[in-house]
Amino acid sequence: MKILTDTNILVAFLNEAHVHHSRTYAYIKNVRSARQKWFVSAHSIAETYAVLTRLTPEPVWATEKVAATITHLLSNECSVVTLSASDYANVLKHASELDVRGGTVFDALIARAAEKADVDRLVTFNVNHFKRVWPKGKDRIFAPL
């Protein structure tokens, strides 16, 4: 099985103080033990860095710790899905047709990465947001168990 995790899953998985850490840790542990293919969107890498260096509860992580933690994760655990300029243009066109506003466009970018990687599951705590921006993939969008 191929899965792509949303930014909120990465943040909860990496931050032991996060309210959903144990839930995401158990989910990712299962992904690892089942030898599932784990993907993340390139956008989620930057977004995870931003959250862990600025928006987490005190104490905010040092930038060096965040960079090292994310780099380790990327080099040992998961594959990164990048988007092309045409992918971005198509996502923006699609988002405008759906009247998507604000940060929900980031969910649309992550959904496009999931579609591009042809994953079996996009795992997120924001299931309804993703179903809105990726209606064709609605049967592939799940919250971690």
Protein backbone atom coordinates (compact mmCIF):
# COMPACT_ATOMS: atom_id res chain seq x y z
CA MET A 1 0.00 0.00 0.00
CA LYS A 2 1.13 3.53 -0.77
CA ILE A 3 0.24 6.36 1.62
CA LEU A 4 0.87 10.09 1.64
CA THR A 5 0.65 11.94 4.95
CA ASP A 6 -0.60 15.48 5.31
CA THR A 7 1.45 18.10 7.14
CA ASN A 8 -0.66 17.77 10.29
CA ILE A 9 0.26 14.08 10.52
CA LEU A 10 3.97 14.89 10.17
CA VAL A 11 3.80 17.59 12.84
CA ALA A 12 1.97 15.34 15.29
CA PHE A 13 4.32 12.43 14.56
CA LEU A 14 7.49 14.47 15.10
CA ASN A 15 6.33 16.55 18.09
CA GLU A 16 6.02 14.41 21.23
CA ALA A 17 4.10 17.22 22.96
CA HIS A 18 1.37 17.21 20.28
CA VAL A 19 -2.06 16.03 21.42
CA HIS A 20 -2.16 13.46 18.57
CA HIS A 21 1.46 12.27 18.84
CA SER A 22 0.70 8.82 20.22
CA ARG A 23 -2.01 8.27 17.60
CA THR A 24 0.21 9.27 14.69
CA TYR A 25 3.23 7.47 16.11
CA ALA A 26 1.22 4.23 16.29
CA TYR A 27 -0.07 4.76 12.76
CA ILE A 28 3.39 5.41 11.29
CA LYS A 29 4.82 2.48 13.25
CA ASN A 30 2.20 0.31 11.54
CA VAL A 31 3.10 1.77 8.14
CA ARG A 32 6.75 0.89 8.79
CA SER A 33 6.07 -2.64 10.02
CA ALA A 34 3.76 -3.39 7.09
CA ARG A 35 6.46 -2.10 4.74
CA GLN A 36 4.05 0.31 3.13
CA LYS A 37 5.44 2.98 0.82
CA TRP A 38 5.30 6.34 2.61
CA PHE A 39 5.15 9.61 0.65
CA VAL A 40 5.11 13.27 1.65
CA SER A 41 4.48 16.32 -0.49
CA ALA A 42 7.41 18.68 -0.94
CA HIS A 43 5.07 21.42 0.24
CA SER A 44 4.57 19.56 3.54
CA ILE A 45 8.29 19.62 4.23
CA ALA A 46 8.39 23.42 4.32
CA GLU A 47 5.08 23.63 6.14
CA THR A 48 6.26 21.16 8.81
CA TYR A 49 9.45 23.18 9.29
CA ALA A 50 7.36 26.35 9.68
CA VAL A 51 5.06 24.81 12.26
CA LEU A 52 7.80 23.17 14.32
CA THR A 53 9.94 26.32 14.41
CA ARG A 54 7.20 28.82 15.11
CA LEU A 55 3.76 27.54 15.97
CA THR A 56 4.29 24.64 18.35
CA PRO A 57 3.67 25.00 22.08
CA GLU A 58 6.58 26.23 24.16
CA PRO A 59 9.36 25.57 23.94
CA VAL A 60 9.59 26.22 20.23
CA TRP A 61 12.11 23.87 18.64
CA ALA A 62 15.50 25.20 17.58
CA THR A 63 15.79 25.53 13.82
CA GLU A 64 18.78 23.16 13.73
CA LYS A 65 16.79 20.45 15.52
CA VAL A 66 13.85 20.81 13.14
CA ALA A 67 16.06 20.71 10.05
CA ALA A 68 17.96 17.65 11.31
CA THR A 69 14.77 15.82 12.32
CA ILE A 70 13.03 16.43 9.00
CA THR A 71 16.18 15.60 7.01
CA HIS A 72 16.56 12.32 8.88
CA LEU A 73 12.92 11.45 8.24
CA LEU A 74 13.25 12.20 4.54
CA SER A 75 16.48 10.29 4.08
CA ASN A 76 15.38 7.20 6.02
CA GLU A 77 11.62 6.90 5.95
CA CYS A 78 9.68 8.42 3.09
CA SER A 79 9.71 9.57 -0.52
CA VAL A 80 9.07 13.18 -1.51
CA VAL A 81 6.56 14.04 -4.22
CA THR A 82 7.38 17.26 -6.06
CA LEU A 83 5.05 19.26 -8.24
CA SER A 84 5.88 20.86 -11.55
CA ALA A 85 4.95 24.36 -12.67
CA SER A 86 2.07 22.90 -14.67
CA ASP A 87 0.88 21.00 -11.57
CA TYR A 88 0.76 24.31 -9.67
CA ALA A 89 -1.11 26.00 -12.52
CA ASN A 90 -3.63 23.16 -12.68
CA VAL A 91 -4.13 23.18 -8.90
CA LEU A 92 -4.76 26.94 -8.92
CA LYS A 93 -7.21 26.61 -11.82
CA HIS A 94 -9.03 23.77 -10.06
CA ALA A 95 -9.03 25.67 -6.75
CA SER A 96 -10.51 28.75 -8.38
CA GLU A 97 -13.24 26.63 -9.98
CA LEU A 98 -14.09 25.23 -6.53
CA ASP A 99 -13.93 28.74 -4.99
CA VAL A 100 -11.15 27.59 -2.65
CA ARG A 101 -9.77 30.46 -0.60
CA GLY A 102 -6.84 31.01 1.73
CA GLY A 103 -4.74 28.20 3.13
CA THR A 104 -7.05 25.50 1.77
CA VAL A 105 -5.03 25.83 -1.43
CA PHE A 106 -2.20 24.11 0.46
CA ASP A 107 -4.47 21.10 0.95
CA ALA A 108 -5.10 21.16 -2.79
CA LEU A 109 -1.34 21.04 -3.45
CA ILE A 110 -0.93 18.10 -1.10
CA ALA A 111 -3.89 16.36 -2.72
CA ARG A 112 -2.27 16.85 -6.13
CA ALA A 113 0.91 15.23 -4.78
CA ALA A 114 -1.16 12.27 -3.55
CA GLU A 115 -2.80 11.99 -6.95
CA LYS A 116 0.54 12.27 -8.74
CA ALA A 117 2.05 9.49 -6.60
CA ASP A 118 -1.10 7.42 -7.15
CA VAL A 119 -1.34 6.64 -3.45
CA ASP A 120 -3.90 4.31 -1.97
CA ARG A 121 -4.41 6.64 0.99
CA LEU A 122 -3.97 10.28 1.85
CA VAL A 123 -3.82 10.40 5.65
CA THR A 124 -4.90 13.61 7.39
CA PHE A 125 -6.82 14.97 10.35
CA ASN A 126 -8.64 17.27 7.87
CA VAL A 127 -10.58 14.67 5.91
CA ASN A 128 -13.38 17.03 4.87
CA HIS A 129 -10.96 19.71 3.64
CA PHE A 130 -9.30 17.20 1.35
CA LYS A 131 -12.57 15.75 0.10
CA ARG A 132 -13.52 19.27 -0.96
CA VAL A 133 -10.32 19.90 -2.94
CA TRP A 134 -9.93 16.33 -4.26
CA PRO A 135 -13.44 14.98 -4.84
CA LYS A 136 -12.15 12.30 -7.24
CA GLY A 137 -9.96 10.95 -4.44
CA LYS A 138 -12.60 11.04 -1.70
CA ASP A 139 -12.42 7.25 -1.23
CA ARG A 140 -8.67 7.48 -0.61
CA ILE A 141 -8.76 10.09 2.16
CA PHE A 142 -8.54 8.79 5.73
CA ALA A 143 -7.76 9.91 9.26
CA PRO A 144 -5.16 7.82 11.09
CA LEU A 145 -6.73 4.98 13.07
